[in-house]
């Protein structure tokens, strides 16, 4: 007959037998079933007290893991698995999946890593550090280009993620440009300055499209309204005020056609469609007066091409007013006009 063992004595024996890795939760006597808890994996199980406390049987779940690690993977299997990814196993012994092995990556970096981590997809930490470093070189290159071209960095509106991210910057003339980083890296130029340069190089008889002064008057003057465009973009946070997306156009709340007519009336000049109907001096005066009058009227609003085209399809291209736009915006917000059904 087994000698009676108290709960306290059973705890002491259990602690010594299993180095404190198993706790005794429920105990009657050494011959009956007791409840145990593993301190390594938190598994709970019932077994005879004698089998665990006296005979030394351990946690059944940990035993499964131990057996799996001991018998599931041979050295040859581990070596073949690691080398199938282009890596080289340098260690000449494999004990279990948790112990670190010496491994060499395809770039020749040697690092310690357990087979368990390698199976989970972890790879050379040195290559990873290099990859992170290289990713940081893109912003460094961007800021170097900004400095070289005397641009002022404003922001990455959606944060810097990759080459498709957006950058906003300002040139020394005060023009604000918005570009995808990949486009900026390819051509670090101010959008507005480029437009002005192209416009100047194509004016009059020097232009490839010279048609004897048949350029439309409004088309000739609009590029000069750069300050108005910049302030309009800032006011709209560089996004379409309807959809919140990246914008394509800046819409005049008060029609540019009306502003131009007002300038001509003040100057006592007739409205002629083409620039060839005016002298160079008159064109300069008309441009300056139109720029001056712009300050009397509301700033423009940034719109996507789809939204802008829809507005003019509904309200026409001349004599537009702020009231028309606010009505248009209200109809979109109320659902009366559905943008998703617009081609």
C-alpha atoms as a PDB file:
ATOM      1  CA  UNK A   1       0.000   0.000   0.000  1.00  0.00           C
ATOM      2  CA  UNK A   2       1.298   3.457  -0.976  1.00  0.00           C
ATOM      3  CA  UNK A   3       2.311   5.679   1.881  1.00  0.00           C
ATOM      4  CA  UNK A   4       0.111   8.757   2.231  1.00  0.00           C
ATOM      5  CA  UNK A   5       1.743  11.886   0.859  1.00  0.00           C
ATOM      6  CA  UNK A   6       0.440  15.322   1.739  1.00  0.00           C
ATOM      7  CA  UNK A   7      -0.230  18.063  -0.817  1.00  0.00           C
ATOM      8  CA  UNK A   8       2.752  20.044   0.471  1.00  0.00           C
ATOM      9  CA  UNK A   9       5.117  17.079   0.121  1.00  0.00           C
ATOM     10  CA  UNK A  10       3.707  16.313  -3.339  1.00  0.00           C
ATOM     11  CA  UNK A  11       4.426  19.916  -4.388  1.00  0.00           C
ATOM     12  CA  UNK A  12       8.006  19.663  -3.146  1.00  0.00           C
ATOM     13  CA  UNK A  13       8.649  16.393  -4.978  1.00  0.00           C
ATOM     14  CA  UNK A  14       7.060  17.721  -8.167  1.00  0.00           C
ATOM     15  CA  UNK A  15       9.184  20.860  -8.040  1.00  0.00           C
ATOM     16  CA  UNK A  16      12.403  18.882  -7.669  1.00  0.00           C
ATOM     17  CA  UNK A  17      11.460  16.350 -10.346  1.00  0.00           C
ATOM     18  CA  UNK A  18      10.568  18.907 -12.992  1.00  0.00           C
ATOM     19  CA  UNK A  19      12.686  21.912 -11.950  1.00  0.00           C
ATOM     20  CA  UNK A  20       9.595  23.975 -11.146  1.00  0.00           C
ATOM     21  CA  UNK A  21       8.207  23.683 -14.711  1.00  0.00           C
ATOM     22  CA  UNK A  22       5.000  21.945 -13.599  1.00  0.00           C
ATOM     23  CA  UNK A  23       2.442  23.071 -10.982  1.00  0.00           C
ATOM     24  CA  UNK A  24       0.046  20.834  -9.085  1.00  0.00           C
ATOM     25  CA  UNK A  25      -3.462  22.326  -9.276  1.00  0.00           C
ATOM     26  CA  UNK A  26      -5.664  19.532  -7.844  1.00  0.00           C
ATOM     27  CA  UNK A  27      -4.442  16.698  -5.646  1.00  0.00           C
ATOM     28  CA  UNK A  28      -6.136  13.907  -3.624  1.00  0.00           C
ATOM     29  CA  UNK A  29      -3.388  11.361  -3.036  1.00  0.00           C
ATOM     30  CA  UNK A  30      -0.422   9.877  -4.866  1.00  0.00           C
ATOM     31  CA  UNK A  31      -2.499   7.065  -6.396  1.00  0.00           C
ATOM     32  CA  UNK A  32      -5.420   9.139  -7.706  1.00  0.00           C
ATOM     33  CA  UNK A  33      -5.676  11.389 -10.721  1.00  0.00           C
ATOM     34  CA  UNK A  34      -4.442  14.937 -10.182  1.00  0.00           C
ATOM     35  CA  UNK A  35      -4.522  18.082 -12.333  1.00  0.00           C
ATOM     36  CA  UNK A  36      -1.258  19.603 -13.521  1.00  0.00           C
ATOM     37  CA  UNK A  37      -0.284  22.795 -15.373  1.00  0.00           C
ATOM     38  CA  UNK A  38       2.830  23.257 -17.501  1.00  0.00           C
ATOM     39  CA  UNK A  39       4.670  26.532 -16.863  1.00  0.00           C
ATOM     40  CA  UNK A  40       6.316  26.383 -20.293  1.00  0.00           C
ATOM     41  CA  UNK A  41       3.267  26.077 -22.576  1.00  0.00           C
ATOM     42  CA  UNK A  42       0.425  26.617 -20.001  1.00  0.00           C
ATOM     43  CA  UNK A  43      -1.163  23.273 -20.953  1.00  0.00           C
ATOM     44  CA  UNK A  44      -3.379  21.661 -18.269  1.00  0.00           C
ATOM     45  CA  UNK A  45      -3.951  17.899 -18.071  1.00  0.00           C
ATOM     46  CA  UNK A  46      -5.075  15.124 -15.731  1.00  0.00           C
ATOM     47  CA  UNK A  47      -2.863  12.176 -14.891  1.00  0.00           C
ATOM     48  CA  UNK A  48      -2.158   9.955 -11.912  1.00  0.00           C
ATOM     49  CA  UNK A  49      -0.119  11.894  -9.390  1.00  0.00           C
ATOM     50  CA  UNK A  50       2.426   9.067  -9.222  1.00  0.00           C
ATOM     51  CA  UNK A  51       3.110   9.059 -12.980  1.00  0.00           C
ATOM     52  CA  UNK A  52       4.172  12.723 -12.898  1.00  0.00           C
ATOM     53  CA  UNK A  53       5.532  13.210  -9.392  1.00  0.00           C
ATOM     54  CA  UNK A  54       7.310   9.861  -8.948  1.00  0.00           C
ATOM     55  CA  UNK A  55       7.847   8.465 -12.441  1.00  0.00           C
ATOM     56  CA  UNK A  56       8.734  11.838 -13.966  1.00  0.00           C
ATOM     57  CA  UNK A  57       6.267  11.956 -16.865  1.00  0.00           C
ATOM     58  CA  UNK A  58       6.101  15.507 -18.159  1.00  0.00           C
ATOM     59  CA  UNK A  59       3.737  17.750 -20.094  1.00  0.00           C
ATOM     60  CA  UNK A  60       2.218  15.795 -23.020  1.00  0.00           C
ATOM     61  CA  UNK A  61       2.130  18.889 -25.254  1.00  0.00           C
ATOM     62  CA  UNK A  62       5.772  19.737 -24.693  1.00  0.00           C
ATOM     63  CA  UNK A  63       6.592  16.089 -25.363  1.00  0.00           C
ATOM     64  CA  UNK A  64       4.906  16.338 -28.761  1.00  0.00           C
ATOM     65  CA  UNK A  65       7.003  19.386 -29.618  1.00  0.00           C
ATOM     66  CA  UNK A  66      10.189  17.734 -28.400  1.00  0.00           C
ATOM     67  CA  UNK A  67       9.530  14.598 -30.385  1.00  0.00           C
ATOM     68  CA  UNK A  68       8.591  16.640 -33.444  1.00  0.00           C
ATOM     69  CA  UNK A  69      11.764  18.687 -33.232  1.00  0.00           C
ATOM     70  CA  UNK A  70      13.872  15.637 -32.559  1.00  0.00           C
ATOM     71  CA  UNK A  71      12.553  13.341 -35.254  1.00  0.00           C
ATOM     72  CA  UNK A  72      10.788  15.466 -37.900  1.00  0.00           C
ATOM     73  CA  UNK A  73      13.826  17.227 -39.352  1.00  0.00           C
ATOM     74  CA  UNK A  74      17.118  15.610 -40.104  1.00  0.00           C
ATOM     75  CA  UNK A  75      20.286  17.575 -40.743  1.00  0.00           C
ATOM     76  CA  UNK A  76      20.120  16.667 -44.419  1.00  0.00           C
ATOM     77  CA  UNK A  77      16.532  17.897 -44.673  1.00  0.00           C
ATOM     78  CA  UNK A  78      17.350  21.208 -42.969  1.00  0.00           C
ATOM     79  CA  UNK A  79      20.419  21.708 -45.174  1.00  0.00           C
ATOM     80  CA  UNK A  80      18.482  20.951 -48.359  1.00  0.00           C
ATOM     81  CA  UNK A  81      15.608  23.239 -47.309  1.00  0.00           C
ATOM     82  CA  UNK A  82      17.860  26.210 -46.504  1.00  0.00           C
ATOM     83  CA  UNK A  83      19.945  25.807 -49.643  1.00  0.00           C
ATOM     84  CA  UNK A  84      16.813  25.615 -51.837  1.00  0.00           C
ATOM     85  CA  UNK A  85      16.484  29.379 -51.203  1.00  0.00           C
ATOM     86  CA  UNK A  86      20.028  30.096 -52.314  1.00  0.00           C
ATOM     87  CA  UNK A  87      21.399  30.176 -48.744  1.00  0.00           C
ATOM     88  CA  UNK A  88      24.153  27.968 -47.347  1.00  0.00           C
ATOM     89  CA  UNK A  89      24.035  26.068 -44.058  1.00  0.00           C
ATOM     90  CA  UNK A  90      27.464  26.434 -42.402  1.00  0.00           C
ATOM     91  CA  UNK A  91      26.695  24.583 -39.146  1.00  0.00           C
ATOM     92  CA  UNK A  92      27.595  20.887 -39.289  1.00  0.00           C
ATOM     93  CA  UNK A  93      25.106  19.828 -36.609  1.00  0.00           C
ATOM     94  CA  UNK A  94      21.328  20.207 -36.136  1.00  0.00           C
ATOM     95  CA  UNK A  95      19.686  19.590 -32.756  1.00  0.00           C
ATOM     96  CA  UNK A  96      16.245  21.204 -32.929  1.00  0.00           C
ATOM     97  CA  UNK A  97      14.409  23.995 -34.723  1.00  0.00           C
ATOM     98  CA  UNK A  98      14.862  26.495 -31.898  1.00  0.00           C
ATOM     99  CA  UNK A  99      18.651  26.459 -31.693  1.00  0.00           C
ATOM    100  CA  UNK A 100      20.461  28.932 -33.930  1.00  0.00           C
ATOM    101  CA  UNK A 101      22.406  27.793 -36.950  1.00  0.00           C
ATOM    102  CA  UNK A 102      25.154  29.604 -38.848  1.00  0.00           C
ATOM    103  CA  UNK A 103      23.818  30.501 -42.288  1.00  0.00           C
ATOM    104  CA  UNK A 104      25.311  32.397 -45.242  1.00  0.00           C
ATOM    105  CA  UNK A 105      23.043  34.392 -47.576  1.00  0.00           C
ATOM    106  CA  UNK A 106      23.538  34.630 -51.383  1.00  0.00           C
ATOM    107  CA  UNK A 107      25.431  37.915 -50.810  1.00  0.00           C
ATOM    108  CA  UNK A 108      27.932  36.162 -48.532  1.00  0.00           C
ATOM    109  CA  UNK A 109      26.703  37.604 -45.206  1.00  0.00           C
ATOM    110  CA  UNK A 110      26.981  35.123 -42.326  1.00  0.00           C
ATOM    111  CA  UNK A 111      24.343  35.305 -39.589  1.00  0.00           C
ATOM    112  CA  UNK A 112      22.849  33.103 -36.831  1.00  0.00           C
ATOM    113  CA  UNK A 113      19.187  32.056 -37.158  1.00  0.00           C
ATOM    114  CA  UNK A 114      17.045  29.157 -35.908  1.00  0.00           C
ATOM    115  CA  UNK A 115      15.462  26.830 -38.444  1.00  0.00           C
ATOM    116  CA  UNK A 116      12.080  27.763 -36.982  1.00  0.00           C
ATOM    117  CA  UNK A 117      12.651  31.445 -37.886  1.00  0.00           C
ATOM    118  CA  UNK A 118      13.954  30.524 -41.326  1.00  0.00           C
ATOM    119  CA  UNK A 119      10.841  28.436 -42.005  1.00  0.00           C
ATOM    120  CA  UNK A 120       8.671  31.415 -41.012  1.00  0.00           C
ATOM    121  CA  UNK A 121      10.252  33.407 -43.828  1.00  0.00           C
ATOM    122  CA  UNK A 122      12.892  35.362 -41.924  1.00  0.00           C
ATOM    123  CA  UNK A 123      16.013  35.956 -43.969  1.00  0.00           C
ATOM    124  CA  UNK A 124      19.399  37.660 -43.800  1.00  0.00           C
ATOM    125  CA  UNK A 125      19.172  40.577 -41.302  1.00  0.00           C
ATOM    126  CA  UNK A 126      22.171  42.282 -42.907  1.00  0.00           C
ATOM    127  CA  UNK A 127      20.477  42.347 -46.319  1.00  0.00           C
ATOM    128  CA  UNK A 128      17.351  43.706 -44.629  1.00  0.00           C
ATOM    129  CA  UNK A 129      19.328  46.540 -43.038  1.00  0.00           C
ATOM    130  CA  UNK A 130      20.854  47.364 -46.423  1.00  0.00           C
ATOM    131  CA  UNK A 131      17.391  47.355 -48.008  1.00  0.00           C
ATOM    132  CA  UNK A 132      16.102  49.790 -45.379  1.00  0.00           C
ATOM    133  CA  UNK A 133      19.145  51.993 -45.887  1.00  0.00           C
ATOM    134  CA  UNK A 134      18.623  52.049 -49.651  1.00  0.00           C
ATOM    135  CA  UNK A 135      14.975  52.977 -49.200  1.00  0.00           C
ATOM    136  CA  UNK A 136      16.105  55.979 -47.162  1.00  0.00           C
ATOM    137  CA  UNK A 137      18.436  57.055 -49.975  1.00  0.00           C
ATOM    138  CA  UNK A 138      15.426  58.034 -52.106  1.00  0.00           C
ATOM    139  CA  UNK A 139      14.359  60.845 -49.707  1.00  0.00           C
ATOM    140  CA  UNK A 140      18.009  61.885 -49.424  1.00  0.00           C
ATOM    141  CA  UNK A 141      18.225  62.100 -53.207  1.00  0.00           C
ATOM    142  CA  UNK A 142      14.996  64.109 -53.301  1.00  0.00           C
ATOM    143  CA  UNK A 143      16.267  66.673 -50.807  1.00  0.00           C
ATOM    144  CA  UNK A 144      19.575  66.920 -52.682  1.00  0.00           C
ATOM    145  CA  UNK A 145      17.677  67.697 -55.908  1.00  0.00           C
ATOM    146  CA  UNK A 146      15.540  70.261 -54.087  1.00  0.00           C
ATOM    147  CA  UNK A 147      18.662  71.970 -52.780  1.00  0.00           C
ATOM    148  CA  UNK A 148      20.478  71.864 -56.127  1.00  0.00           C
ATOM    149  CA  UNK A 149      17.521  73.482 -57.912  1.00  0.00           C
ATOM    150  CA  UNK A 150      16.826  76.035 -55.150  1.00  0.00           C
ATOM    151  CA  UNK A 151      13.407  74.525 -54.423  1.00  0.00           C
ATOM    152  CA  UNK A 152      11.695  74.788 -51.051  1.00  0.00           C
ATOM    153  CA  UNK A 153      10.219  71.519 -49.765  1.00  0.00           C
ATOM    154  CA  UNK A 154       6.613  71.913 -48.577  1.00  0.00           C
ATOM    155  CA  UNK A 155       5.379  68.394 -47.784  1.00  0.00           C
ATOM    156  CA  UNK A 156       4.602  64.827 -48.759  1.00  0.00           C
ATOM    157  CA  UNK A 157       0.792  65.278 -48.396  1.00  0.00           C
ATOM    158  CA  UNK A 158       0.156  61.557 -47.851  1.00  0.00           C
ATOM    159  CA  UNK A 159       3.531  60.792 -46.307  1.00  0.00           C
ATOM    160  CA  UNK A 160       6.524  59.216 -48.046  1.00  0.00           C
ATOM    161  CA  UNK A 161       5.713  55.619 -48.975  1.00  0.00           C
ATOM    162  CA  UNK A 162       7.390  54.912 -52.307  1.00  0.00           C
ATOM    163  CA  UNK A 163       8.184  56.463 -55.692  1.00  0.00           C
ATOM    164  CA  UNK A 164       4.462  56.898 -56.392  1.00  0.00           C
ATOM    165  CA  UNK A 165       4.045  59.203 -53.388  1.00  0.00           C
ATOM    166  CA  UNK A 166       3.324  62.892 -53.988  1.00  0.00           C
ATOM    167  CA  UNK A 167       5.729  65.744 -53.230  1.00  0.00           C
ATOM    168  CA  UNK A 168       4.800  69.433 -53.076  1.00  0.00           C
ATOM    169  CA  UNK A 169       7.560  72.026 -53.447  1.00  0.00           C
ATOM    170  CA  UNK A 170       8.068  75.691 -54.287  1.00  0.00           C
ATOM    171  CA  UNK A 171      10.554  77.267 -56.688  1.00  0.00           C
ATOM    172  CA  UNK A 172      12.496  80.483 -56.032  1.00  0.00           C
ATOM    173  CA  UNK A 173       9.882  82.447 -57.990  1.00  0.00           C
ATOM    174  CA  UNK A 174       7.167  81.291 -55.605  1.00  0.00           C
ATOM    175  CA  UNK A 175       5.476  78.744 -57.895  1.00  0.00           C
ATOM    176  CA  UNK A 176       4.106  75.693 -56.113  1.00  0.00           C
ATOM    177  CA  UNK A 177       4.337  72.354 -57.923  1.00  0.00           C
ATOM    178  CA  UNK A 178       2.796  68.983 -57.142  1.00  0.00           C
ATOM    179  CA  UNK A 179       4.427  65.879 -58.614  1.00  0.00           C
ATOM    180  CA  UNK A 180       4.752  62.144 -58.124  1.00  0.00           C
ATOM    181  CA  UNK A 181       8.206  61.440 -56.715  1.00  0.00           C
ATOM    182  CA  UNK A 182       9.108  59.217 -59.683  1.00  0.00           C
ATOM    183  CA  UNK A 183       8.365  62.127 -62.026  1.00  0.00           C
ATOM    184  CA  UNK A 184      10.302  64.582 -59.861  1.00  0.00           C
ATOM    185  CA  UNK A 185      13.356  62.299 -59.822  1.00  0.00           C
ATOM    186  CA  UNK A 186      13.179  62.044 -63.603  1.00  0.00           C
ATOM    187  CA  UNK A 187      12.610  65.769 -64.150  1.00  0.00           C
ATOM    188  CA  UNK A 188      13.229  67.998 -61.077  1.00  0.00           C
ATOM    189  CA  UNK A 189      11.605  71.091 -62.579  1.00  0.00           C
ATOM    190  CA  UNK A 190       8.946  73.592 -61.560  1.00  0.00           C
ATOM    191  CA  UNK A 191       5.724  72.865 -63.458  1.00  0.00           C
ATOM    192  CA  UNK A 192       4.772  76.539 -63.672  1.00  0.00           C
ATOM    193  CA  UNK A 193       8.221  77.705 -64.787  1.00  0.00           C
ATOM    194  CA  UNK A 194       8.194  75.043 -67.484  1.00  0.00           C
ATOM    195  CA  UNK A 195       4.817  76.235 -68.740  1.00  0.00           C
ATOM    196  CA  UNK A 196       6.015  79.837 -68.816  1.00  0.00           C
ATOM    197  CA  UNK A 197       9.205  78.899 -70.626  1.00  0.00           C
ATOM    198  CA  UNK A 198       7.274  76.908 -73.224  1.00  0.00           C
ATOM    199  CA  UNK A 199       4.749  79.728 -73.557  1.00  0.00           C
ATOM    200  CA  UNK A 200       7.445  82.361 -74.049  1.00  0.00           C
ATOM    201  CA  UNK A 201       9.379  80.217 -76.506  1.00  0.00           C
ATOM    202  CA  UNK A 202       6.240  79.627 -78.554  1.00  0.00           C
ATOM    203  CA  UNK A 203       4.925  83.180 -78.687  1.00  0.00           C
ATOM    204  CA  UNK A 204       4.414  85.058 -81.941  1.00  0.00           C
ATOM    205  CA  UNK A 205       6.230  84.064 -85.084  1.00  0.00           C
ATOM    206  CA  UNK A 206       8.792  82.079 -83.046  1.00  0.00           C
ATOM    207  CA  UNK A 207       6.208  79.455 -82.204  1.00  0.00           C
ATOM    208  CA  UNK A 208       5.831  76.193 -84.095  1.00  0.00           C
ATOM    209  CA  UNK A 209       2.092  76.774 -84.162  1.00  0.00           C
ATOM    210  CA  UNK A 210       2.250  80.365 -85.367  1.00  0.00           C
ATOM    211  CA  UNK A 211      -0.862  81.077 -87.407  1.00  0.00           C
ATOM    212  CA  UNK A 212      -0.491  84.741 -88.223  1.00  0.00           C
ATOM    213  CA  UNK A 213      -1.666  85.991 -84.807  1.00  0.00           C
ATOM    214  CA  UNK A 214      -4.615  83.565 -84.562  1.00  0.00           C
ATOM    215  CA  UNK A 215      -3.922  82.531 -80.946  1.00  0.00           C
ATOM    216  CA  UNK A 216      -7.005  83.066 -78.804  1.00  0.00           C
ATOM    217  CA  UNK A 217      -6.723  86.141 -76.584  1.00  0.00           C
ATOM    218  CA  UNK A 218      -7.888  84.320 -73.453  1.00  0.00           C
ATOM    219  CA  UNK A 219      -5.445  81.445 -74.043  1.00  0.00           C
ATOM    220  CA  UNK A 220      -2.606  83.958 -74.347  1.00  0.00           C
ATOM    221  CA  UNK A 221      -3.426  85.715 -71.070  1.00  0.00           C
ATOM    222  CA  UNK A 222      -4.426  82.817 -68.767  1.00  0.00           C
ATOM    223  CA  UNK A 223      -0.853  81.502 -68.218  1.00  0.00           C
ATOM    224  CA  UNK A 224       0.064  84.860 -66.636  1.00  0.00           C
ATOM    225  CA  UNK A 225      -2.364  84.317 -63.739  1.00  0.00           C
ATOM    226  CA  UNK A 226       0.152  82.173 -61.857  1.00  0.00           C
ATOM    227  CA  UNK A 227      -0.224  83.891 -58.446  1.00  0.00           C
ATOM    228  CA  UNK A 228      -3.994  83.407 -58.624  1.00  0.00           C
ATOM    229  CA  UNK A 229      -3.521  79.706 -59.443  1.00  0.00           C
ATOM    230  CA  UNK A 230      -1.040  79.179 -56.623  1.00  0.00           C
ATOM    231  CA  UNK A 231      -3.289  80.806 -54.033  1.00  0.00           C
ATOM    232  CA  UNK A 232      -6.285  78.834 -55.331  1.00  0.00           C
ATOM    233  CA  UNK A 233      -4.373  75.545 -54.978  1.00  0.00           C
ATOM    234  CA  UNK A 234      -3.297  76.369 -51.439  1.00  0.00           C
ATOM    235  CA  UNK A 235      -6.850  77.317 -50.467  1.00  0.00           C
ATOM    236  CA  UNK A 236      -8.098  73.949 -51.760  1.00  0.00           C
ATOM    237  CA  UNK A 237      -5.289  72.032 -50.018  1.00  0.00           C
ATOM    238  CA  UNK A 238      -4.136  70.839 -53.445  1.00  0.00           C
ATOM    239  CA  UNK A 239      -7.161  68.547 -53.812  1.00  0.00           C
ATOM    240  CA  UNK A 240     -10.430  68.518 -55.721  1.00  0.00           C
ATOM    241  CA  UNK A 241     -13.013  70.288 -53.528  1.00  0.00           C
ATOM    242  CA  UNK A 242     -15.717  67.838 -54.669  1.00  0.00           C
ATOM    243  CA  UNK A 243     -14.027  64.423 -54.570  1.00  0.00           C
ATOM    244  CA  UNK A 244     -10.938  65.055 -52.410  1.00  0.00           C
ATOM    245  CA  UNK A 245      -8.804  63.467 -55.140  1.00  0.00           C
ATOM    246  CA  UNK A 246      -5.745  64.870 -56.907  1.00  0.00           C
ATOM    247  CA  UNK A 247      -6.975  67.731 -59.109  1.00  0.00           C
ATOM    248  CA  UNK A 248      -6.458  68.414 -62.823  1.00  0.00           C
ATOM    249  CA  UNK A 249      -7.967  71.880 -63.342  1.00  0.00           C
ATOM    250  CA  UNK A 250      -8.615  75.143 -61.493  1.00  0.00           C
ATOM    251  CA  UNK A 251     -12.106  76.403 -62.141  1.00  0.00           C
ATOM    252  CA  UNK A 252     -12.928  80.136 -62.151  1.00  0.00           C
ATOM    253  CA  UNK A 253     -15.880  80.700 -59.828  1.00  0.00           C
ATOM    254  CA  UNK A 254     -16.329  84.025 -61.578  1.00  0.00           C
ATOM    255  CA  UNK A 255     -15.865  83.453 -65.298  1.00  0.00           C
ATOM    256  CA  UNK A 256     -12.464  84.387 -66.737  1.00  0.00           C
ATOM    257  CA  UNK A 257     -14.349  85.519 -69.840  1.00  0.00           C
ATOM    258  CA  UNK A 258     -16.233  88.103 -67.742  1.00  0.00           C
ATOM    259  CA  UNK A 259     -13.015  89.344 -66.101  1.00  0.00           C
ATOM    260  CA  UNK A 260     -11.347  89.727 -69.498  1.00  0.00           C
ATOM    261  CA  UNK A 261     -14.321  91.645 -70.889  1.00  0.00           C
ATOM    262  CA  UNK A 262     -14.256  93.952 -67.864  1.00  0.00           C
ATOM    263  CA  UNK A 263     -10.561  94.656 -68.415  1.00  0.00           C
ATOM    264  CA  UNK A 264     -11.184  95.509 -72.080  1.00  0.00           C
ATOM    265  CA  UNK A 265     -14.064  97.814 -71.154  1.00  0.00           C
ATOM    266  CA  UNK A 266     -11.907  99.699 -68.670  1.00  0.00           C
ATOM    267  CA  UNK A 267      -9.198 100.067 -71.317  1.00  0.00           C
ATOM    268  CA  UNK A 268     -11.750 101.129 -73.941  1.00  0.00           C
ATOM    269  CA  UNK A 269     -10.706  98.289 -76.197  1.00  0.00           C
ATOM    270  CA  UNK A 270     -12.965  96.101 -78.284  1.00  0.00           C
ATOM    271  CA  UNK A 271     -13.130  92.388 -77.609  1.00  0.00           C
ATOM    272  CA  UNK A 272     -11.286  90.595 -80.384  1.00  0.00           C
ATOM    273  CA  UNK A 273     -10.938  86.843 -80.382  1.00  0.00           C
ATOM    274  CA  UNK A 274      -7.328  86.599 -81.568  1.00  0.00           C
ATOM    275  CA  UNK A 275      -4.099  88.134 -80.265  1.00  0.00           C
ATOM    276  CA  UNK A 276      -3.164  89.233 -83.776  1.00  0.00           C
ATOM    277  CA  UNK A 277      -5.863  91.897 -83.569  1.00  0.00           C
ATOM    278  CA  UNK A 278      -3.861  93.740 -80.864  1.00  0.00           C
ATOM    279  CA  UNK A 279      -0.439  95.322 -80.758  1.00  0.00           C
ATOM    280  CA  UNK A 280       2.236  93.939 -78.430  1.00  0.00           C
ATOM    281  CA  UNK A 281       1.802  96.982 -76.169  1.00  0.00           C
ATOM    282  CA  UNK A 282      -1.961  96.441 -75.975  1.00  0.00           C
ATOM    283  CA  UNK A 283      -1.495  92.760 -75.088  1.00  0.00           C
ATOM    284  CA  UNK A 284       0.787  93.729 -72.199  1.00  0.00           C
ATOM    285  CA  UNK A 285      -1.732  96.287 -70.906  1.00  0.00           C
ATOM    286  CA  UNK A 286      -4.657  93.840 -71.222  1.00  0.00           C
ATOM    287  CA  UNK A 287      -2.709  91.151 -69.378  1.00  0.00           C
ATOM    288  CA  UNK A 288      -1.764  93.445 -66.485  1.00  0.00           C
ATOM    289  CA  UNK A 289      -5.306  94.811 -66.119  1.00  0.00           C
ATOM    290  CA  UNK A 290      -6.780  91.289 -66.150  1.00  0.00           C
ATOM    291  CA  UNK A 291      -4.311  90.196 -63.457  1.00  0.00           C
ATOM    292  CA  UNK A 292      -5.274  93.218 -61.373  1.00  0.00           C
ATOM    293  CA  UNK A 293      -9.006  92.474 -61.682  1.00  0.00           C
ATOM    294  CA  UNK A 294      -8.468  88.871 -60.588  1.00  0.00           C
ATOM    295  CA  UNK A 295      -7.943  90.149 -57.054  1.00  0.00           C
ATOM    296  CA  UNK A 296     -11.502  91.529 -56.982  1.00  0.00           C
ATOM    297  CA  UNK A 297     -13.101  88.125 -57.441  1.00  0.00           C
ATOM    298  CA  UNK A 298     -13.079  84.790 -55.587  1.00  0.00           C
ATOM    299  CA  UNK A 299     -10.184  82.396 -55.911  1.00  0.00           C
ATOM    300  CA  UNK A 300     -10.630  79.383 -58.151  1.00  0.00           C
ATOM    301  CA  UNK A 301     -11.468  75.870 -56.971  1.00  0.00           C
ATOM    302  CA  UNK A 302      -9.475  72.738 -57.752  1.00  0.00           C
ATOM    303  CA  UNK A 303     -11.425  70.063 -59.636  1.00  0.00           C
ATOM    304  CA  UNK A 304     -10.773  66.772 -61.331  1.00  0.00           C
ATOM    305  CA  UNK A 305     -11.140  66.851 -65.109  1.00  0.00           C
ATOM    306  CA  UNK A 306     -14.280  64.719 -64.873  1.00  0.00           C
ATOM    307  CA  UNK A 307     -15.992  67.104 -62.426  1.00  0.00           C
ATOM    308  CA  UNK A 308     -14.839  70.209 -64.302  1.00  0.00           C
ATOM    309  CA  UNK A 309     -16.136  68.932 -67.648  1.00  0.00           C
ATOM    310  CA  UNK A 310     -19.470  68.013 -66.057  1.00  0.00           C
ATOM    311  CA  UNK A 311     -19.910  71.517 -64.603  1.00  0.00           C
ATOM    312  CA  UNK A 312     -19.381  73.216 -67.955  1.00  0.00           C
ATOM    313  CA  UNK A 313     -21.573  70.662 -69.676  1.00  0.00           C
ATOM    314  CA  UNK A 314     -24.414  71.710 -67.362  1.00  0.00           C
ATOM    315  CA  UNK A 315     -23.696  75.451 -67.043  1.00  0.00           C
ATOM    316  CA  UNK A 316     -21.828  76.347 -70.213  1.00  0.00           C
ATOM    317  CA  UNK A 317     -18.367  77.896 -70.638  1.00  0.00           C
ATOM    318  CA  UNK A 318     -19.122  81.620 -70.380  1.00  0.00           C
ATOM    319  CA  UNK A 319     -20.636  83.955 -67.798  1.00  0.00           C
ATOM    320  CA  UNK A 320     -20.185  81.451 -64.969  1.00  0.00           C
ATOM    321  CA  UNK A 321     -20.769  82.655 -61.401  1.00  0.00           C
ATOM    322  CA  UNK A 322     -20.008  81.414 -57.886  1.00  0.00           C
ATOM    323  CA  UNK A 323     -23.733  80.807 -57.371  1.00  0.00           C
ATOM    324  CA  UNK A 324     -23.752  78.310 -60.224  1.00  0.00           C
ATOM    325  CA  UNK A 325     -20.882  76.364 -58.693  1.00  0.00           C
ATOM    326  CA  UNK A 326     -22.403  76.283 -55.216  1.00  0.00           C
ATOM    327  CA  UNK A 327     -25.652  75.008 -56.726  1.00  0.00           C
ATOM    328  CA  UNK A 328     -23.690  72.356 -58.661  1.00  0.00           C
ATOM    329  CA  UNK A 329     -21.834  71.273 -55.493  1.00  0.00           C
ATOM    330  CA  UNK A 330     -25.066  71.096 -53.484  1.00  0.00           C
ATOM    331  CA  UNK A 331     -26.694  68.881 -56.111  1.00  0.00           C
ATOM    332  CA  UNK A 332     -23.755  66.474 -55.952  1.00  0.00           C
ATOM    333  CA  UNK A 333     -23.858  66.378 -52.147  1.00  0.00           C
ATOM    334  CA  UNK A 334     -27.626  65.772 -52.150  1.00  0.00           C
ATOM    335  CA  UNK A 335     -27.326  62.992 -54.715  1.00  0.00           C
ATOM    336  CA  UNK A 336     -29.259  64.799 -57.417  1.00  0.00           C
ATOM    337  CA  UNK A 337     -26.119  64.632 -59.570  1.00  0.00           C
ATOM    338  CA  UNK A 338     -24.332  61.278 -59.327  1.00  0.00           C
ATOM    339  CA  UNK A 339     -20.677  61.399 -60.317  1.00  0.00           C
ATOM    340  CA  UNK A 340     -20.328  57.620 -60.518  1.00  0.00           C
ATOM    341  CA  UNK A 341     -22.718  57.599 -63.461  1.00  0.00           C
ATOM    342  CA  UNK A 342     -20.825  60.245 -65.391  1.00  0.00           C
ATOM    343  CA  UNK A 343     -18.723  58.844 -68.223  1.00  0.00           C
END
